[in-house]
Each structure stands twice: as C-alpha cells, then as structure tokens.
Amino acid sequence: MTDVLKRGGPSLTRNQDISRESIPLYLIDGVATVWDAQTAATLHCVHNISGLRTGTLPGVTQQNGFLGLPITLMQEETAYLLQQGIAHLVPLNSRLSPPDEDAVKAHTAARVARIEYLEEKAREAESTRQEQSAKAFDKGGEKARLKREARAKARAERARVTAQVSDTVFEDDSQGGRQEIGETSEAKASKQKGQRLHTPGHFHVVPSHPILPTSTSLSTSVITSLPHPLFTFPSTPRDHALVGVFATLQLLGYRIGLGPRFGGEWLVYPGDYLRYHAHFTSQVIVRNKPIKPTEIVAWGRLGTGTKKAGLICCWDDQKQEETITARDDQKKPTVEFYSLEWANFG
C-alpha cells in the first residue's frame, strides 16, 4: 500500500501515478461489500473511500463505535470506484442452498465435541486449582503449628532460666527472635513465589472474504461497467448527478460520508473523518429543478444547527455533455457549489 504523506488529509494527489490492481467488491443483494482488512485500509488511505463498518457480534449489544468487517459502500462510492477503474464487482448469490443432512450432522458432532473438550479442560483446571489450594493451606497450617511449638518452647525456656543471669536471658531472647524472623521471611518468600499456569489461547481463523459455495449456480461474471442489471445505479438523471458531484468532491480532496442523520445527502469532511469534523452537509440539485425559498432557509438553519455549513451542489448535465466534446481550454465546471450559513440578527 502506498505510503500516506499527510495524516488525516488526502493520501495522494490526483496527478500521481498509482500502480494498482483492480479491487474486488463483493455484491450482495445490490450492496457492495469489502471483507478484507488490507483492502479496506487501501480504500481508506489511498482512494479516500471509507465506507460503513457493519460487522458486530450477536452476543454483544450496543457496539456503536467498535464495528468491524464487512464494510458496506454507498452506491456513489461503488460507482465512483468502478468508473475510475479502481475496483470491480463480483456478484454473489444471496440465496444459498441449505446444507445437506450429512453436513449438518458433521457440523453438530464437531460442535458437541468441542464443547465437551472445553468442559473437560475446565474441570481439569478447577481440580488442579483446588489441589494446589489444599496443598498451600496444609503447608501454611504445618508452618503455623511449628511456629506455635517454637514459641511455647521459647517461653518455657525463658521461664526456666528466669533465675539465671540477666545477660544470658537476653542472649536467649535475641536468638529466639532471630530464628522467628528468619522463619517469617521464608514463609513470605514462599508465598510471593507462587506458581504460574500457562493456558494456550484459542484462535479462530476468520476468512477475509465470503465463503463461496461450490455450486454452479453462482455467477462468476465480473462487473466492470455500470449500470448493470444486478447494480442499476446510476440510471436516472439524479443518479448521474450524485455520481458527478461525488467525483468532483473527491477531485477537490474532500472525503464524503453518510449524511441523512444531519438532513443532507452526505457529510463533507476536509480530511480523514477520524481526525476532522464534517464542515458541510450537502444537498444535490439537478439542472432546472426549482428551489423553494423556504428550502434555502431550512438548509441554512439546519447546517448551522448541526454546527456545519449547508452546501448546495448544482449539477448541470448539459455542461457535462459540452465538457466531454470541448477542448481542454474550453471545459467548464459541471458542478457549482454554494455554501449557506444562517446568521442571527440582533
């Protein structure tokens, strides 16, 4: 993957020669998906396409910020990648045939065997832990009994020699104290040493792409041009406007994300969305489509309410046709942008 020159910004300038191979996008029910982590990183860092992560765990709820593979792409992102020759579509059959009885029995037997194996390992680990705990308890009790006997013997010895010379008594006491301190330090050292149990980790291999069935009903054709019967976008003038505006924003170095949550077509970021907040909420307008004054006010207030500026993207398909046939020095921009920001009075 090409080195990223600027963190958060566009990874490559458009005039750089990028040696790349076509990236496979798996088409499932009309939605392009990415199942490989390296492919997702290449799209994000090299081609400024982030997509939407949708992978989650069924047993873990509310994973809003930590979703993973697969990544689903917007229709505009998919069409842009195909038009630029960056990727191609691989259609998958979503109506897979159910497994036969032998496959179900084999899978069930393997699952039951794995569960029994894990239960047996858990019982062995629990038994080992209990044995070690019992040994440690017995060992600690034996040491405590020896300590009590030693202290009783020392007290009896001190009582017997009470009538003797005081310096001898002091010497006996100091020796007994040193012996007791030595035993205590040995007990602490044995407790701190402990034992470590090394349990092997369980790793499950997750394929980087959908597991393709061996059935001959799966279509092996590759889609390289749009529209296609399996992916009809873009087909209407508005679809072409969406793709054209998307490509223009990509050319200007912006990143585009989903925007319906903020009342627009897309959210437009000045760089990597992991680093920057969105600056615009976009509205795509097709040529000759009337705009109500209330809509302009609503778009401006909506953008300001979400701490963003409203971006009106006006697509002219007539200019697009003239641009295709015109010379380089006579080409006109096919998209005009107007930003709206509501201003407070008083």
Protein backbone atom coordinates (compact mmCIF):
# COMPACT_ATOMS: atom_id res chain seq x y z
CA MET A 1 0.00 0.00 0.00
CA THR A 2 1.27 3.45 -0.86
CA ASP A 3 2.74 5.49 1.99
CA VAL A 4 0.44 8.16 3.37
CA LEU A 5 2.05 11.57 3.15
CA LYS A 6 -0.26 13.51 5.44
CA ARG A 7 -2.19 12.17 8.40
CA GLY A 8 -5.87 12.94 8.08
CA GLY A 9 -5.65 14.62 4.69
CA PRO A 10 -5.89 13.26 1.16
CA SER A 11 -3.40 10.44 0.90
CA LEU A 12 -2.34 11.01 -2.70
CA THR A 13 -2.58 13.83 -5.18
CA ARG A 14 -4.51 13.11 -8.32
CA ASN A 15 -1.56 13.58 -10.68
CA GLN A 16 0.45 10.79 -9.06
CA ASP A 17 0.83 7.56 -10.98
CA ILE A 18 -0.70 4.84 -8.82
CA SER A 19 0.23 1.32 -9.82
CA ARG A 20 -2.64 -0.75 -8.61
CA GLU A 21 -4.69 -3.81 -9.37
CA SER A 22 -8.45 -3.83 -9.58
CA ILE A 23 -10.01 -4.37 -6.15
CA PRO A 24 -12.81 -6.96 -5.88
CA LEU A 25 -16.02 -5.70 -4.29
CA TYR A 26 -18.49 -8.44 -3.42
CA LEU A 27 -22.03 -7.56 -4.47
CA ILE A 28 -24.67 -8.97 -2.12
CA ASP A 29 -28.31 -8.03 -2.75
CA GLY A 30 -27.26 -4.89 -4.61
CA VAL A 31 -24.81 -3.70 -1.92
CA ALA A 32 -21.05 -3.68 -2.48
CA THR A 33 -19.11 -5.09 0.48
CA VAL A 34 -15.45 -5.38 1.48
CA TRP A 35 -14.35 -8.38 3.54
CA ASP A 36 -10.58 -7.97 3.59
CA ALA A 37 -8.83 -5.71 6.13
CA GLN A 38 -5.97 -4.80 3.78
CA THR A 39 -8.43 -3.89 1.03
CA ALA A 40 -10.36 -1.69 3.48
CA ALA A 41 -7.12 0.03 4.51
CA THR A 42 -6.16 0.60 0.86
CA LEU A 43 -9.53 2.14 0.06
CA HIS A 44 -9.35 4.36 3.14
CA CYS A 45 -5.75 5.58 2.85
CA VAL A 46 -5.13 5.59 -0.91
CA HIS A 47 -8.52 6.22 -2.51
CA ASN A 48 -10.22 8.22 0.28
CA ILE A 49 -13.15 5.79 0.44
CA SER A 50 -14.12 4.84 3.99
CA GLY A 51 -17.46 3.06 3.67
CA LEU A 52 -19.52 1.98 6.65
CA ARG A 53 -18.40 -0.76 9.04
CA THR A 54 -21.26 -3.12 9.82
CA GLY A 55 -19.64 -6.18 11.42
CA THR A 56 -20.68 -6.89 15.01
CA LEU A 57 -21.06 -9.73 17.49
CA PRO A 58 -24.59 -11.05 18.07
CA GLY A 59 -23.97 -11.55 21.79
CA VAL A 60 -22.59 -8.05 22.46
CA THR A 61 -25.15 -5.25 22.30
CA GLN A 62 -24.72 -1.54 21.58
CA GLN A 63 -21.45 -1.71 19.66
CA ASN A 64 -21.85 1.73 18.15
CA GLY A 65 -18.21 2.76 17.96
CA PHE A 66 -16.36 -0.51 17.51
CA LEU A 67 -17.85 -2.15 14.44
CA GLY A 68 -15.69 -4.17 12.07
CA LEU A 69 -15.74 -6.08 8.80
CA PRO A 70 -17.54 -6.31 6.49
CA ILE A 71 -17.62 -2.76 5.14
CA THR A 72 -20.57 -1.67 3.02
CA LEU A 73 -20.17 1.03 0.38
CA MET A 74 -22.62 3.67 -0.73
CA GLN A 75 -23.91 3.49 -4.28
CA GLU A 76 -21.95 6.63 -5.13
CA GLU A 77 -18.74 5.14 -3.73
CA THR A 78 -19.24 1.93 -5.69
CA ALA A 79 -19.99 3.73 -8.95
CA TYR A 80 -17.00 6.05 -8.46
CA LEU A 81 -14.59 3.16 -7.89
CA LEU A 82 -15.82 1.34 -10.99
CA GLN A 83 -15.76 4.45 -13.19
CA GLN A 84 -12.19 5.20 -12.12
CA GLY A 85 -11.10 1.61 -12.82
CA ILE A 86 -10.12 1.09 -9.19
CA ALA A 87 -12.43 -1.82 -8.45
CA HIS A 88 -14.80 -4.34 -10.00
CA LEU A 89 -17.91 -6.07 -8.71
CA VAL A 90 -18.14 -9.79 -8.01
CA PRO A 91 -21.82 -10.76 -7.68
CA LEU A 92 -22.65 -13.36 -5.06
CA ASN A 93 -25.75 -15.48 -4.87
CA SER A 94 -27.60 -14.47 -1.71
CA ARG A 95 -30.00 -17.42 -1.96
CA LEU A 96 -27.63 -20.19 -0.96
CA SER A 97 -28.84 -23.77 -0.92
CA PRO A 98 -29.26 -25.27 2.58
CA PRO A 99 -26.63 -27.81 3.70
CA ASP A 100 -27.38 -31.49 3.32
CA GLU A 101 -28.08 -33.83 6.23
CA ASP A 102 -24.53 -35.21 6.36
CA ALA A 103 -23.03 -31.72 6.59
CA VAL A 104 -25.41 -30.79 9.41
CA LYS A 105 -24.55 -33.97 11.33
CA ALA A 106 -20.81 -33.43 10.87
CA HIS A 107 -21.04 -29.79 11.99
CA THR A 108 -23.17 -30.74 15.01
CA ALA A 109 -20.78 -33.53 16.01
CA ALA A 110 -17.78 -31.20 15.74
CA ARG A 111 -19.55 -28.54 17.80
CA VAL A 112 -20.55 -31.03 20.52
CA ALA A 113 -17.02 -32.49 20.61
CA ARG A 114 -15.52 -29.03 21.01
CA ILE A 115 -17.93 -28.15 23.83
CA GLU A 116 -17.15 -31.43 25.63
CA TYR A 117 -13.42 -30.81 25.21
CA LEU A 118 -13.70 -27.31 26.67
CA GLU A 119 -15.80 -28.60 29.59
CA GLU A 120 -13.23 -31.32 30.32
CA LYS A 121 -10.39 -28.78 30.25
CA ALA A 122 -12.35 -26.54 32.61
CA ARG A 123 -12.93 -29.42 35.04
CA GLU A 124 -9.23 -30.34 34.96
CA ALA A 125 -8.22 -26.73 35.59
CA GLU A 126 -10.66 -26.46 38.52
CA SER A 127 -9.41 -29.75 40.02
CA THR A 128 -5.79 -28.62 39.71
CA ARG A 129 -6.62 -25.31 41.33
CA GLN A 130 -8.35 -27.00 44.26
CA GLU A 131 -5.42 -29.38 44.79
CA GLN A 132 -2.94 -26.52 44.79
CA SER A 133 -5.13 -24.53 47.18
CA ALA A 134 -5.39 -27.51 49.56
CA LYS A 135 -1.63 -28.09 49.47
CA ALA A 136 -0.96 -24.43 50.17
CA PHE A 137 -3.44 -24.49 53.08
CA ASP A 138 -1.89 -27.63 54.59
CA LYS A 139 1.59 -26.25 54.15
CA GLY A 140 0.63 -22.99 55.80
CA GLY A 141 -1.06 -24.84 58.71
CA GLU A 142 2.03 -27.00 59.32
CA LYS A 143 4.26 -23.94 59.41
CA ALA A 144 1.91 -22.20 61.84
CA ARG A 145 1.93 -25.28 64.14
CA LEU A 146 5.73 -25.36 64.13
CA LYS A 147 5.81 -21.67 64.95
CA ARG A 148 3.44 -22.12 67.89
CA GLU A 149 5.53 -25.00 69.25
CA ALA A 150 8.71 -22.98 68.86
CA ARG A 151 7.18 -20.01 70.70
CA ALA A 152 5.89 -22.26 73.51
CA LYS A 153 9.29 -23.88 73.87
CA ALA A 154 10.94 -20.46 73.96
CA ARG A 155 8.55 -19.24 76.67
CA ALA A 156 9.21 -22.36 78.76
CA GLU A 157 12.92 -21.93 78.34
CA ARG A 158 12.73 -18.28 79.35
CA ALA A 159 10.66 -19.18 82.43
CA ARG A 160 13.21 -21.84 83.44
CA VAL A 161 16.18 -19.52 83.22
CA THR A 162 14.49 -16.56 84.90
CA ALA A 163 16.67 -17.00 87.96
CA GLN A 164 19.86 -17.07 85.93
CA VAL A 165 21.97 -14.14 84.98
CA SER A 166 20.09 -11.44 83.02
CA ASP A 167 22.63 -11.24 80.21
CA THR A 168 22.11 -14.96 79.44
CA VAL A 169 18.35 -14.41 79.30
CA PHE A 170 18.80 -11.50 76.90
CA GLU A 171 21.06 -13.62 74.68
CA ASP A 172 18.49 -16.45 74.53
CA ASP A 173 15.71 -13.99 73.68
CA SER A 174 17.72 -12.42 70.84
CA GLN A 175 18.49 -15.84 69.35
CA GLY A 176 14.85 -16.88 69.52
CA GLY A 177 13.78 -13.59 67.90
CA ARG A 178 16.25 -14.01 65.04
CA GLN A 179 15.03 -17.57 64.46
CA GLU A 180 11.38 -16.42 64.36
CA ILE A 181 12.16 -13.57 61.97
CA GLY A 182 14.04 -15.98 59.71
CA GLU A 183 11.06 -18.35 59.60
CA THR A 184 8.67 -15.47 58.85
CA SER A 185 10.81 -14.22 55.94
CA GLU A 186 10.98 -17.75 54.50
CA ALA A 187 7.18 -18.06 54.69
CA LYS A 188 6.71 -14.70 52.91
CA ALA A 189 9.17 -15.69 50.19
CA SER A 190 7.35 -18.96 49.58
CA LYS A 191 4.00 -17.10 49.32
CA GLN A 192 5.37 -14.48 46.93
CA LYS A 193 6.99 -17.07 44.68
CA GLY A 194 3.74 -18.82 43.77
CA GLN A 195 3.12 -20.77 40.61
CA ARG A 196 2.02 -19.70 37.15
CA LEU A 197 -0.30 -21.64 34.91
CA HIS A 198 0.13 -21.17 31.17
CA THR A 199 -3.06 -21.88 29.25
CA PRO A 200 -2.95 -21.85 25.44
CA GLY A 201 -5.10 -19.25 23.72
CA HIS A 202 -7.86 -20.25 21.35
CA PHE A 203 -7.59 -18.63 17.93
CA HIS A 204 -10.25 -18.93 15.26
CA VAL A 205 -9.35 -18.30 11.64
CA VAL A 206 -11.78 -15.82 10.08
CA PRO A 207 -11.75 -15.78 6.25
CA SER A 208 -11.03 -12.42 4.65
CA HIS A 209 -13.82 -12.84 2.09
CA PRO A 210 -17.20 -14.56 1.97
CA ILE A 211 -17.01 -18.32 1.75
CA LEU A 212 -18.07 -19.02 -1.80
CA PRO A 213 -20.15 -22.14 -2.38
CA THR A 214 -19.04 -24.65 -4.99
CA SER A 215 -22.47 -24.62 -6.61
CA THR A 216 -22.53 -23.93 -10.32
CA SER A 217 -25.47 -21.56 -9.84
CA LEU A 218 -23.10 -18.85 -8.59
CA SER A 219 -22.47 -16.22 -11.21
CA THR A 220 -18.76 -15.96 -11.94
CA SER A 221 -19.09 -12.89 -14.18
CA VAL A 222 -17.29 -9.73 -13.13
CA ILE A 223 -18.98 -6.33 -13.43
CA THR A 224 -16.69 -3.55 -14.65
CA SER A 225 -19.18 -1.05 -16.12
CA LEU A 226 -22.41 0.49 -14.87
CA PRO A 227 -25.37 0.40 -14.93
CA HIS A 228 -25.83 -3.36 -14.75
CA PRO A 229 -28.94 -5.49 -14.18
CA LEU A 230 -27.53 -6.52 -10.79
CA PHE A 231 -26.50 -2.94 -9.93
CA THR A 232 -28.74 -0.44 -11.70
CA PHE A 233 -27.10 2.68 -10.28
CA PRO A 234 -26.68 5.21 -11.93
CA SER A 235 -29.72 5.13 -14.21
CA THR A 236 -31.70 8.36 -13.62
CA PRO A 237 -30.50 11.96 -14.10
CA ARG A 238 -30.36 12.39 -10.34
CA ASP A 239 -28.20 9.27 -10.03
CA HIS A 240 -25.75 10.71 -12.55
CA ALA A 241 -25.79 13.99 -10.63
CA LEU A 242 -24.93 12.18 -7.39
CA VAL A 243 -22.01 10.37 -9.01
CA GLY A 244 -20.77 13.53 -10.72
CA VAL A 245 -20.86 15.63 -7.55
CA PHE A 246 -19.24 12.81 -5.58
CA ALA A 247 -16.39 12.55 -8.10
CA THR A 248 -15.92 16.34 -8.10
CA LEU A 249 -15.65 16.48 -4.31
CA GLN A 250 -13.17 13.61 -4.43
CA LEU A 251 -11.15 15.53 -7.01
CA LEU A 252 -11.08 18.55 -4.71
CA GLY A 253 -9.65 16.43 -1.89
CA TYR A 254 -12.73 16.10 0.32
CA ARG A 255 -13.98 12.94 2.00
CA ILE A 256 -17.64 12.05 1.88
CA GLY A 257 -19.70 10.18 4.45
CA LEU A 258 -23.34 9.38 5.02
CA GLY A 259 -25.43 12.45 5.79
CA PRO A 260 -29.13 11.56 6.30
CA ARG A 261 -28.67 11.79 10.06
CA PHE A 262 -27.93 15.50 9.61
CA GLY A 263 -30.57 16.12 6.96
CA GLY A 264 -28.38 16.04 3.84
CA GLU A 265 -27.12 13.74 1.12
CA TRP A 266 -23.61 13.47 2.58
CA LEU A 267 -21.33 14.84 5.23
CA VAL A 268 -18.31 16.52 3.64
CA TYR A 269 -15.02 16.36 5.55
CA PRO A 270 -11.84 18.34 4.78
CA GLY A 271 -9.74 15.24 5.52
CA ASP A 272 -9.84 11.93 7.30
CA TYR A 273 -13.09 11.69 9.25
CA LEU A 274 -11.16 10.07 12.11
CA ARG A 275 -9.36 13.38 12.56
CA TYR A 276 -11.73 16.10 11.37
CA HIS A 277 -15.34 17.03 11.97
CA ALA A 278 -17.56 17.48 8.94
CA HIS A 279 -17.65 21.03 7.61
CA PHE A 280 -20.66 20.72 5.29
CA THR A 281 -23.98 18.96 4.89
CA SER A 282 -24.62 18.66 1.16
CA GLN A 283 -27.75 18.96 -0.97
CA VAL A 284 -27.53 17.84 -4.62
CA ILE A 285 -29.64 19.83 -7.08
CA VAL A 286 -30.26 18.68 -10.66
CA ARG A 287 -30.45 21.21 -13.51
CA ASN A 288 -33.79 23.05 -13.88
CA LYS A 289 -35.07 21.77 -10.55
CA PRO A 290 -36.90 24.59 -8.75
CA ILE A 291 -35.76 25.52 -5.25
CA LYS A 292 -38.22 26.99 -2.78
CA PRO A 293 -37.05 29.92 -0.65
CA THR A 294 -38.17 28.03 2.43
CA GLU A 295 -35.83 25.19 1.46
CA ILE A 296 -32.87 27.58 1.32
CA VAL A 297 -33.75 28.92 4.76
CA ALA A 298 -34.24 25.39 6.10
CA TRP A 299 -30.90 24.16 4.71
CA GLY A 300 -29.07 27.15 6.15
CA ARG A 301 -30.64 26.78 9.58
CA LEU A 302 -30.13 23.01 9.51
CA GLY A 303 -26.44 23.36 8.79
CA THR A 304 -25.97 25.97 11.50
CA GLY A 305 -27.98 23.89 13.97
CA THR A 306 -25.62 20.96 13.45
CA LYS A 307 -22.57 23.27 13.59
CA LYS A 308 -21.94 22.85 9.88
CA ALA A 309 -22.47 24.92 6.76
CA GLY A 310 -25.05 23.89 4.20
CA LEU A 311 -23.53 23.05 0.82
CA ILE A 312 -25.73 23.25 -2.29
CA CYS A 313 -24.23 21.23 -5.14
CA CYS A 314 -25.74 22.20 -8.51
CA TRP A 315 -25.17 19.61 -11.23
CA ASP A 316 -25.65 20.58 -14.89
CA ASP A 317 -25.82 17.59 -17.21
CA GLN A 318 -25.85 19.87 -20.26
CA LYS A 319 -22.47 21.31 -19.28
CA GLN A 320 -21.29 17.76 -18.74
CA GLU A 321 -22.07 16.88 -22.36
CA GLU A 322 -20.40 20.09 -23.59
CA THR A 323 -17.33 19.36 -21.46
CA ILE A 324 -16.91 15.91 -22.98
CA THR A 325 -16.84 17.31 -26.54
CA ALA A 326 -14.93 20.54 -25.77
CA ARG A 327 -11.19 21.13 -25.81
CA ASP A 328 -9.24 21.25 -22.57
CA ASP A 329 -9.01 25.06 -22.59
CA GLN A 330 -12.77 25.41 -23.13
CA LYS A 331 -14.01 22.96 -20.49
CA LYS A 332 -16.46 24.38 -17.98
CA PRO A 333 -17.11 23.14 -14.47
CA THR A 334 -20.17 20.90 -14.36
CA VAL A 335 -20.80 21.42 -10.63
CA GLU A 336 -21.34 24.74 -8.89
CA PHE A 337 -21.15 24.92 -5.11
CA TYR A 338 -22.90 27.40 -2.82
CA SER A 339 -22.47 27.39 0.96
CA LEU A 340 -25.23 28.50 3.31
CA GLU A 341 -24.84 29.63 6.90
CA TRP A 342 -27.68 31.04 8.94
CA ALA A 343 -26.90 34.41 10.51
CA ASN A 344 -28.58 35.63 13.70
CA PHE A 345 -29.99 39.14 13.79
CA GLY A 346 -29.91 41.35 16.87
